[in-house]
Amino acid sequence: MRIREENCNMVLLAAVTLVSVAIAGGAMLFGLDDQPVRLADRATGVEQAPTADKRIIYVNDQPPVRVIGAPFVPNTNPRER
């Protein structure tokens, strides 16, 4: 019994799906935890005091970088060179 060429991709998709479900199911069985899942609130940032060896670097305070060479101009019309 051969798989027709039209159905080959669907069979491959089904096989990958089944293997993924089996791996996820196995991980779920071994990873049972009684604690509820807690999500971090990204609206409130964690305030950390800067240490002595890590100073705060502001992007606006950095000196500008000098670019050497011709600026890049995309060739939007390949017929004109």
N, C-alpha and C. Protein backbone atom coordinates (compact mmCIF):
# COMPACT_ATOMS: atom_id res chain seq x y z
N MET A 1 0.84 -1.17 0.00
CA MET A 1 0.00 0.00 0.00
C MET A 1 0.89 1.24 0.00
N ARG A 2 0.75 2.06 -1.00
CA ARG A 2 1.55 3.27 -1.12
C ARG A 2 0.68 4.49 -0.86
N ILE A 3 1.31 5.52 -0.34
CA ILE A 3 0.62 6.78 -0.12
C ILE A 3 0.72 7.58 -1.41
N ARG A 4 -0.42 8.06 -1.87
CA ARG A 4 -0.40 8.85 -3.10
C ARG A 4 0.34 10.15 -2.87
N GLU A 5 0.90 10.68 -3.94
CA GLU A 5 1.71 11.88 -3.83
C GLU A 5 0.90 13.08 -3.35
N GLU A 6 -0.37 13.12 -3.67
CA GLU A 6 -1.21 14.24 -3.24
C GLU A 6 -1.41 14.25 -1.73
N ASN A 7 -1.39 13.07 -1.11
CA ASN A 7 -1.65 12.96 0.33
C ASN A 7 -0.37 12.87 1.16
N CYS A 8 0.78 12.94 0.52
CA CYS A 8 2.04 12.75 1.23
C CYS A 8 2.25 13.84 2.29
N ASN A 9 1.98 15.08 1.94
CA ASN A 9 2.19 16.17 2.90
C ASN A 9 1.22 16.09 4.08
N MET A 10 -0.01 15.67 3.82
CA MET A 10 -0.98 15.55 4.91
C MET A 10 -0.59 14.42 5.86
N VAL A 11 -0.07 13.33 5.32
CA VAL A 11 0.38 12.23 6.17
C VAL A 11 1.57 12.67 7.02
N LEU A 12 2.49 13.41 6.42
CA LEU A 12 3.63 13.92 7.17
C LEU A 12 3.18 14.89 8.27
N LEU A 13 2.23 15.76 7.96
CA LEU A 13 1.71 16.69 8.95
C LEU A 13 1.03 15.94 10.10
N ALA A 14 0.26 14.92 9.77
CA ALA A 14 -0.41 14.13 10.80
C ALA A 14 0.59 13.40 11.68
N ALA A 15 1.66 12.87 11.08
CA ALA A 15 2.67 12.16 11.85
C ALA A 15 3.40 13.10 12.80
N VAL A 16 3.77 14.27 12.32
CA VAL A 16 4.46 15.24 13.18
C VAL A 16 3.53 15.71 14.30
N THR A 17 2.25 15.89 14.00
CA THR A 17 1.29 16.30 15.02
C THR A 17 1.15 15.24 16.10
N LEU A 18 1.05 13.99 15.69
CA LEU A 18 0.90 12.91 16.67
C LEU A 18 2.14 12.77 17.55
N VAL A 19 3.32 12.90 16.96
CA VAL A 19 4.54 12.81 17.76
C VAL A 19 4.62 13.98 18.73
N SER A 20 4.24 15.18 18.28
CA SER A 20 4.26 16.35 19.17
C SER A 20 3.27 16.20 20.32
N VAL A 21 2.10 15.67 20.02
CA VAL A 21 1.09 15.46 21.07
C VAL A 21 1.58 14.41 22.06
N ALA A 22 2.25 13.38 21.57
CA ALA A 22 2.77 12.34 22.46
C ALA A 22 3.86 12.91 23.38
N ILE A 23 4.73 13.73 22.84
CA ILE A 23 5.79 14.33 23.66
C ILE A 23 5.19 15.29 24.69
N ALA A 24 4.21 16.10 24.27
CA ALA A 24 3.58 17.03 25.21
C ALA A 24 2.81 16.29 26.29
N GLY A 25 2.15 15.19 25.92
CA GLY A 25 1.42 14.40 26.91
C GLY A 25 2.36 13.76 27.92
N GLY A 26 3.49 13.25 27.44
CA GLY A 26 4.47 12.67 28.35
C GLY A 26 5.06 13.70 29.28
N ALA A 27 5.33 14.89 28.77
CA ALA A 27 5.85 15.95 29.62
C ALA A 27 4.82 16.39 30.65
N MET A 28 3.56 16.36 30.27
CA MET A 28 2.51 16.75 31.20
C MET A 28 2.38 15.72 32.32
N LEU A 29 2.53 14.45 32.01
CA LEU A 29 2.41 13.43 33.04
C LEU A 29 3.55 13.50 34.04
N PHE A 30 4.75 13.81 33.58
CA PHE A 30 5.90 13.86 34.49
C PHE A 30 6.02 15.20 35.19
N GLY A 31 5.40 16.22 34.68
CA GLY A 31 5.58 17.55 35.24
C GLY A 31 4.39 18.04 36.04
N LEU A 32 3.65 17.16 36.69
CA LEU A 32 2.51 17.59 37.47
C LEU A 32 2.98 18.43 38.66
N ASP A 33 2.32 19.52 38.86
CA ASP A 33 2.69 20.44 39.93
C ASP A 33 1.41 20.94 40.58
N ASP A 34 1.41 21.02 41.91
CA ASP A 34 0.22 21.46 42.62
C ASP A 34 0.13 22.98 42.71
N GLN A 35 1.21 23.68 42.38
CA GLN A 35 1.19 25.13 42.49
C GLN A 35 0.52 25.73 41.25
N PRO A 36 -0.24 26.80 41.45
CA PRO A 36 -0.87 27.44 40.29
C PRO A 36 0.16 28.19 39.45
N VAL A 37 -0.15 28.37 38.21
CA VAL A 37 0.73 29.10 37.31
C VAL A 37 0.57 30.59 37.56
N ARG A 38 1.67 31.28 37.70
CA ARG A 38 1.63 32.72 37.95
C ARG A 38 2.37 33.42 36.82
N LEU A 39 1.70 34.38 36.23
CA LEU A 39 2.29 35.14 35.14
C LEU A 39 2.86 36.45 35.67
N ALA A 40 3.95 36.88 35.09
CA ALA A 40 4.57 38.13 35.52
C ALA A 40 3.79 39.30 34.95
N ASP A 41 3.65 40.33 35.76
CA ASP A 41 2.98 41.55 35.31
C ASP A 41 4.03 42.44 34.67
N ARG A 42 3.97 42.57 33.34
CA ARG A 42 4.99 43.35 32.63
C ARG A 42 4.74 44.85 32.72
N ALA A 43 3.57 45.24 33.21
CA ALA A 43 3.28 46.67 33.31
C ALA A 43 4.12 47.32 34.40
N THR A 44 4.40 46.57 35.45
CA THR A 44 5.22 47.11 36.52
C THR A 44 6.63 46.55 36.38
N GLY A 45 7.58 47.41 36.16
CA GLY A 45 8.96 46.98 35.99
C GLY A 45 9.61 46.72 37.33
N VAL A 46 10.57 45.85 37.32
CA VAL A 46 11.31 45.54 38.53
C VAL A 46 12.41 46.58 38.66
N GLU A 47 12.38 47.30 39.75
CA GLU A 47 13.38 48.33 39.97
C GLU A 47 14.59 47.69 40.63
N GLN A 48 15.71 47.76 39.94
CA GLN A 48 16.95 47.23 40.49
C GLN A 48 17.94 48.37 40.60
N ALA A 49 18.60 48.44 41.72
CA ALA A 49 19.60 49.47 41.92
C ALA A 49 20.85 49.10 41.13
N PRO A 50 21.43 50.07 40.41
CA PRO A 50 22.65 49.75 39.67
C PRO A 50 23.81 49.51 40.63
N THR A 51 24.59 48.51 40.33
CA THR A 51 25.73 48.21 41.17
C THR A 51 26.89 49.11 40.77
N ALA A 52 27.95 49.07 41.54
CA ALA A 52 29.09 49.94 41.29
C ALA A 52 29.80 49.59 39.99
N ASP A 53 29.84 48.31 39.64
CA ASP A 53 30.56 47.93 38.42
C ASP A 53 29.70 48.04 37.17
N LYS A 54 28.40 48.19 37.31
CA LYS A 54 27.51 48.35 36.16
C LYS A 54 26.94 49.76 36.19
N ARG A 55 27.41 50.59 35.30
CA ARG A 55 26.88 51.94 35.26
C ARG A 55 25.81 52.02 34.19
N ILE A 56 24.91 52.96 34.33
CA ILE A 56 23.82 53.13 33.39
C ILE A 56 24.34 53.85 32.15
N ILE A 57 24.06 53.29 30.98
CA ILE A 57 24.50 53.88 29.72
C ILE A 57 23.27 54.37 28.99
N TYR A 58 23.25 55.66 28.69
CA TYR A 58 22.15 56.24 27.95
C TYR A 58 22.54 56.30 26.47
N VAL A 59 21.61 55.95 25.61
CA VAL A 59 21.89 55.87 24.19
C VAL A 59 22.20 57.25 23.62
N ASN A 60 21.53 58.27 24.10
CA ASN A 60 21.74 59.62 23.57
C ASN A 60 23.12 60.18 23.93
N ASP A 61 23.75 59.66 24.96
CA ASP A 61 25.05 60.18 25.38
C ASP A 61 26.20 59.57 24.60
N GLN A 62 25.98 58.55 23.80
CA GLN A 62 27.06 57.90 23.05
C GLN A 62 27.45 58.76 21.86
N PRO A 63 28.72 58.79 21.53
CA PRO A 63 29.15 59.60 20.38
C PRO A 63 28.66 58.97 19.07
N PRO A 64 28.41 59.79 18.06
CA PRO A 64 27.96 59.24 16.79
C PRO A 64 29.06 58.43 16.12
N VAL A 65 28.67 57.46 15.34
CA VAL A 65 29.61 56.57 14.67
C VAL A 65 29.83 57.09 13.26
N ARG A 66 31.08 57.14 12.84
CA ARG A 66 31.41 57.59 11.49
C ARG A 66 31.39 56.40 10.55
N VAL A 67 30.58 56.50 9.49
CA VAL A 67 30.47 55.43 8.51
C VAL A 67 31.42 55.75 7.37
N ILE A 68 32.30 54.81 7.06
CA ILE A 68 33.27 54.99 6.00
C ILE A 68 32.78 54.25 4.76
N GLY A 69 32.80 54.92 3.62
CA GLY A 69 32.39 54.29 2.38
C GLY A 69 31.15 54.96 1.82
N ALA A 70 30.77 54.47 0.66
CA ALA A 70 29.60 55.03 -0.01
C ALA A 70 28.33 54.57 0.70
N PRO A 71 27.33 55.44 0.76
CA PRO A 71 26.07 55.01 1.38
C PRO A 71 25.36 53.98 0.50
N PHE A 72 24.63 53.12 1.12
CA PHE A 72 23.92 52.07 0.39
C PHE A 72 22.68 52.66 -0.25
N VAL A 73 22.57 52.45 -1.56
CA VAL A 73 21.39 52.87 -2.31
C VAL A 73 20.83 51.63 -2.98
N PRO A 74 19.64 51.20 -2.62
CA PRO A 74 19.10 49.98 -3.22
C PRO A 74 18.80 50.17 -4.69
N ASN A 75 19.05 49.14 -5.47
CA ASN A 75 18.79 49.17 -6.90
C ASN A 75 17.34 48.77 -7.11
N THR A 76 16.47 49.76 -7.21
CA THR A 76 15.05 49.46 -7.37
C THR A 76 14.68 49.15 -8.81
N ASN A 77 15.52 49.57 -9.76
CA ASN A 77 15.26 49.28 -11.16
C ASN A 77 16.51 48.59 -11.72
N PRO A 78 16.52 47.26 -11.84
CA PRO A 78 17.73 46.55 -12.25
C PRO A 78 18.17 46.84 -13.68
N ARG A 79 17.29 47.37 -14.51
CA ARG A 79 17.67 47.64 -15.90
C ARG A 79 18.57 48.87 -16.01
N GLU A 80 18.48 49.75 -15.05
CA GLU A 80 19.32 50.94 -15.06
C GLU A 80 20.51 50.71 -14.15
N ARG A 81 21.69 50.83 -14.72
CA ARG A 81 22.91 50.66 -13.92
C ARG A 81 23.80 51.84 -14.09
